[in-house]
Amino acid sequence: MNDELVWYAAYGSNLSAERFSHYLEGGRPRGAQRVHEGSRDCAPPHDVRPIELPGSVFFAWESPTWGGGVAFYDPEVVGRALATAYLITHAQFSDLVAQEMHRTVGDDLDLEPLWQHRVHELGMDRYERLLVVDELDDLPVVTFTCPVDHRPPLNPPSQGYLDTIARGLRETHHLDDAAIAAYLASLAPKNPQRAPGED
């Protein structure tokens, strides 16, 4: 297995460390319908930190795990994208992506194109656009979202999904209920405001 370390930036339900642990250890998260296979390496993250990404988050698709929409990241929209950064191995990140795509774990992703171009699309499915969004302690911060040309239709999230995001915002960013409510309200479907110079 590849033990090279990367930071994974989680902006959706994986904001919650409890929820994210199921991608490493396996099992079914609270409020979800799906049982996760877990990673080849079930060790906990080496470090966990709160971060804020440039851009924003929107809810779309129809999740068989949660019902309702799930979070996607748009780096080109003016807004805030609060996230939890987990320091994990290359193999753990590869297995995370496989589980997000409902594939069998076990193959290490070739991340060299991502390191060279800071963006790499693995395919056309919902979370197959990999992005380098920041750097912490001289290591890349990586997340994933939908491909540019395959943006799913907007769809409001289920209460269980929002509750899981709220737990993560409380745990990692130490936000109170009012701040959490305001942040989630800011992600409500609306016409996105693009950064200057964007189409």
Protein backbone atom coordinates (compact mmCIF):
# COMPACT_ATOMS: atom_id res chain seq x y z
CA MET A 1 0.00 0.00 0.00
CA ASN A 2 1.08 3.57 -0.67
CA ASP A 3 1.81 5.40 2.61
CA GLU A 4 2.56 8.80 1.03
CA LEU A 5 0.57 11.38 3.03
CA VAL A 6 -2.01 13.81 1.64
CA TRP A 7 -4.58 16.10 3.23
CA TYR A 8 -8.15 15.25 2.26
CA ALA A 9 -10.52 18.24 2.52
CA ALA A 10 -14.08 17.15 3.37
CA TYR A 11 -16.84 19.73 2.86
CA GLY A 12 -19.96 17.53 3.07
CA SER A 13 -20.98 14.82 5.53
CA ASN A 14 -17.31 13.92 6.05
CA LEU A 15 -16.92 17.21 7.91
CA SER A 16 -17.86 14.92 10.81
CA ALA A 17 -14.90 12.80 11.92
CA GLU A 18 -17.31 10.14 13.19
CA ARG A 19 -18.91 9.84 9.76
CA PHE A 20 -15.54 9.88 7.95
CA SER A 21 -14.22 7.07 10.18
CA HIS A 22 -16.56 4.64 8.41
CA TYR A 23 -14.62 5.14 5.17
CA LEU A 24 -11.54 3.91 7.01
CA GLU A 25 -12.98 1.37 9.46
CA GLY A 26 -16.10 0.28 7.57
CA GLY A 27 -19.69 0.11 8.85
CA ARG A 28 -22.84 2.22 8.57
CA PRO A 29 -22.85 5.86 9.69
CA ARG A 30 -25.66 7.32 11.76
CA GLY A 31 -28.58 8.36 9.57
CA ALA A 32 -27.25 6.64 6.41
CA GLN A 33 -28.56 3.58 4.60
CA ARG A 34 -25.26 2.30 3.25
CA VAL A 35 -22.65 0.06 4.89
CA HIS A 36 -19.10 1.04 3.89
CA GLU A 37 -16.42 -1.48 3.07
CA GLY A 38 -13.68 0.52 4.75
CA SER A 39 -10.08 1.09 3.70
CA ARG A 40 -7.27 -1.42 3.37
CA ASP A 41 -5.60 0.66 6.10
CA CYS A 42 -8.13 1.37 8.86
CA ALA A 43 -5.72 3.50 10.95
CA PRO A 44 -7.13 6.90 12.02
CA PRO A 45 -5.92 10.10 10.32
CA HIS A 46 -2.51 11.39 11.36
CA ASP A 47 -4.01 14.83 11.99
CA VAL A 48 -7.33 16.68 11.68
CA ARG A 49 -7.74 20.45 11.14
CA PRO A 50 -10.46 22.98 10.28
CA ILE A 51 -9.91 24.80 6.99
CA GLU A 52 -11.82 27.11 4.67
CA LEU A 53 -11.63 26.61 0.92
CA PRO A 54 -12.05 29.27 -1.76
CA GLY A 55 -15.39 28.79 -3.49
CA SER A 56 -18.67 27.38 -2.23
CA VAL A 57 -20.75 24.22 -1.78
CA PHE A 58 -24.04 23.24 -3.41
CA PHE A 59 -26.42 20.30 -2.94
CA ALA A 60 -27.37 18.14 -5.91
CA TRP A 61 -28.00 14.59 -7.22
CA GLU A 62 -30.18 12.03 -5.39
CA SER A 63 -28.24 10.01 -2.84
CA PRO A 64 -29.18 6.36 -2.21
CA THR A 65 -27.21 6.60 1.03
CA TRP A 66 -28.99 9.62 2.53
CA GLY A 67 -31.95 10.41 0.31
CA GLY A 68 -32.00 13.93 -1.10
CA GLY A 69 -29.04 15.85 -2.43
CA VAL A 70 -25.43 15.69 -1.28
CA ALA A 71 -22.67 18.30 -1.22
CA PHE A 72 -20.51 19.22 -4.19
CA TYR A 73 -17.71 21.79 -4.26
CA ASP A 74 -17.52 24.62 -6.80
CA PRO A 75 -14.17 26.45 -6.61
CA GLU A 76 -15.31 29.18 -9.00
CA VAL A 77 -18.27 30.50 -6.99
CA VAL A 78 -17.91 33.43 -4.60
CA GLY A 79 -18.69 32.23 -1.09
CA ARG A 80 -17.40 30.08 1.77
CA ALA A 81 -16.64 26.38 1.84
CA LEU A 82 -15.88 25.19 5.36
CA ALA A 83 -14.07 21.88 5.46
CA THR A 84 -12.29 19.39 7.69
CA ALA A 85 -8.78 18.41 6.57
CA TYR A 86 -7.71 14.84 7.35
CA LEU A 87 -4.07 13.81 6.98
CA ILE A 88 -4.29 10.31 5.47
CA THR A 89 -2.23 8.03 3.26
CA HIS A 90 -2.38 7.88 -0.52
CA ALA A 91 -3.87 4.36 -0.18
CA GLN A 92 -6.57 5.58 2.21
CA PHE A 93 -7.44 8.44 -0.13
CA SER A 94 -7.64 6.00 -3.06
CA ASP A 95 -9.98 3.73 -1.09
CA LEU A 96 -12.09 6.73 -0.05
CA VAL A 97 -12.59 7.76 -3.68
CA ALA A 98 -13.44 4.15 -4.62
CA GLN A 99 -16.12 4.00 -1.93
CA GLU A 100 -17.56 7.37 -2.92
CA MET A 101 -17.89 5.98 -6.44
CA HIS A 102 -19.42 2.69 -5.17
CA ARG A 103 -16.41 0.71 -6.40
CA THR A 104 -14.34 -1.98 -4.72
CA VAL A 105 -11.34 -0.73 -2.77
CA GLY A 106 -7.82 -1.97 -3.41
CA ASP A 107 -6.18 0.02 -6.21
CA ASP A 108 -3.98 3.06 -5.64
CA LEU A 109 -4.91 6.08 -7.74
CA ASP A 110 -2.24 7.54 -10.01
CA LEU A 111 -2.04 11.05 -8.54
CA GLU A 112 0.88 12.24 -10.69
CA PRO A 113 -1.41 14.08 -13.18
CA LEU A 114 -3.04 15.82 -10.20
CA TRP A 115 0.29 16.97 -8.77
CA GLN A 116 1.29 18.31 -12.21
CA HIS A 117 -1.93 20.13 -13.14
CA ARG A 118 -3.73 20.62 -9.78
CA VAL A 119 -6.88 19.17 -11.35
CA HIS A 120 -7.49 15.70 -12.76
CA GLU A 121 -10.71 14.09 -13.94
CA LEU A 122 -10.86 10.32 -13.48
CA GLY A 123 -14.12 9.99 -15.41
CA MET A 124 -17.56 11.50 -15.79
CA ASP A 125 -19.29 10.27 -12.64
CA ARG A 126 -20.29 12.46 -9.72
CA TYR A 127 -17.08 12.77 -7.63
CA GLU A 128 -14.40 12.08 -10.25
CA ARG A 129 -12.86 15.54 -10.49
CA LEU A 130 -9.84 15.71 -8.16
CA LEU A 131 -8.54 19.13 -7.13
CA VAL A 132 -5.52 20.43 -5.23
CA VAL A 133 -7.13 23.26 -3.25
CA ASP A 134 -4.44 24.28 -0.75
CA GLU A 135 -1.26 23.23 1.02
CA LEU A 136 -0.65 22.48 4.71
CA ASP A 137 2.75 21.72 6.20
CA ASP A 138 4.20 21.41 2.68
CA LEU A 139 1.69 18.69 1.75
CA PRO A 140 -1.12 19.07 -0.81
CA VAL A 141 -4.74 19.49 0.28
CA VAL A 142 -6.95 17.48 -2.08
CA THR A 143 -10.69 17.21 -2.51
CA PHE A 144 -13.08 15.94 -5.18
CA THR A 145 -16.28 17.10 -6.82
CA CYS A 146 -18.30 16.64 -9.99
CA PRO A 147 -16.71 17.04 -13.45
CA VAL A 148 -17.24 20.49 -14.97
CA ASP A 149 -19.38 19.14 -17.82
CA HIS A 150 -21.40 16.73 -15.67
CA ARG A 151 -22.85 18.93 -12.93
CA PRO A 152 -25.84 17.12 -11.37
CA PRO A 153 -29.19 18.89 -10.92
CA LEU A 154 -29.72 20.81 -7.69
CA ASN A 155 -31.56 18.87 -5.00
CA PRO A 156 -32.08 19.82 -1.33
CA PRO A 157 -30.40 17.52 1.21
CA SER A 158 -32.17 15.32 3.75
CA GLN A 159 -32.32 16.34 7.40
CA GLY A 160 -30.05 13.45 8.36
CA TYR A 161 -27.40 14.67 5.93
CA LEU A 162 -27.62 18.24 7.25
CA ASP A 163 -27.44 16.97 10.83
CA THR A 164 -24.20 15.14 9.98
CA ILE A 165 -22.69 18.27 8.41
CA ALA A 166 -23.76 20.26 11.48
CA ARG A 167 -21.98 17.77 13.76
CA GLY A 168 -18.80 18.25 11.76
CA LEU A 169 -19.04 22.04 11.90
CA ARG A 170 -19.55 21.81 15.65
CA GLU A 171 -16.68 19.33 16.18
CA THR A 172 -14.02 20.84 13.93
CA HIS A 173 -14.90 24.51 13.50
CA HIS A 174 -16.51 24.86 16.96
CA LEU A 175 -19.48 26.80 15.54
CA ASP A 176 -22.58 27.38 17.63
CA ASP A 177 -26.09 26.55 16.40
CA ALA A 178 -26.74 30.05 15.05
CA ALA A 179 -23.50 30.11 13.06
CA ILE A 180 -24.19 26.62 11.69
CA ALA A 181 -27.71 27.61 10.63
CA ALA A 182 -26.40 30.74 8.92
CA TYR A 183 -23.70 28.81 7.05
CA LEU A 184 -26.10 26.12 5.84
CA ALA A 185 -28.61 28.77 4.77
CA SER A 186 -25.88 30.40 2.68
CA LEU A 187 -25.61 27.14 0.68
CA ALA A 188 -29.32 27.11 -0.24
CA PRO A 189 -29.95 26.77 -4.02
CA LYS A 190 -29.62 30.09 -5.83
CA ASN A 191 -28.00 31.52 -8.89
CA PRO A 192 -24.26 31.24 -8.22
CA GLN A 193 -22.18 34.42 -8.20
CA ARG A 194 -19.08 33.66 -10.25
CA ALA A 195 -15.73 35.13 -9.41
CA PRO A 196 -14.69 38.12 -11.57
CA GLY A 197 -13.48 37.02 -14.99
CA GLU A 198 -15.38 33.73 -14.92
CA ASP A 199 -17.98 32.78 -17.55
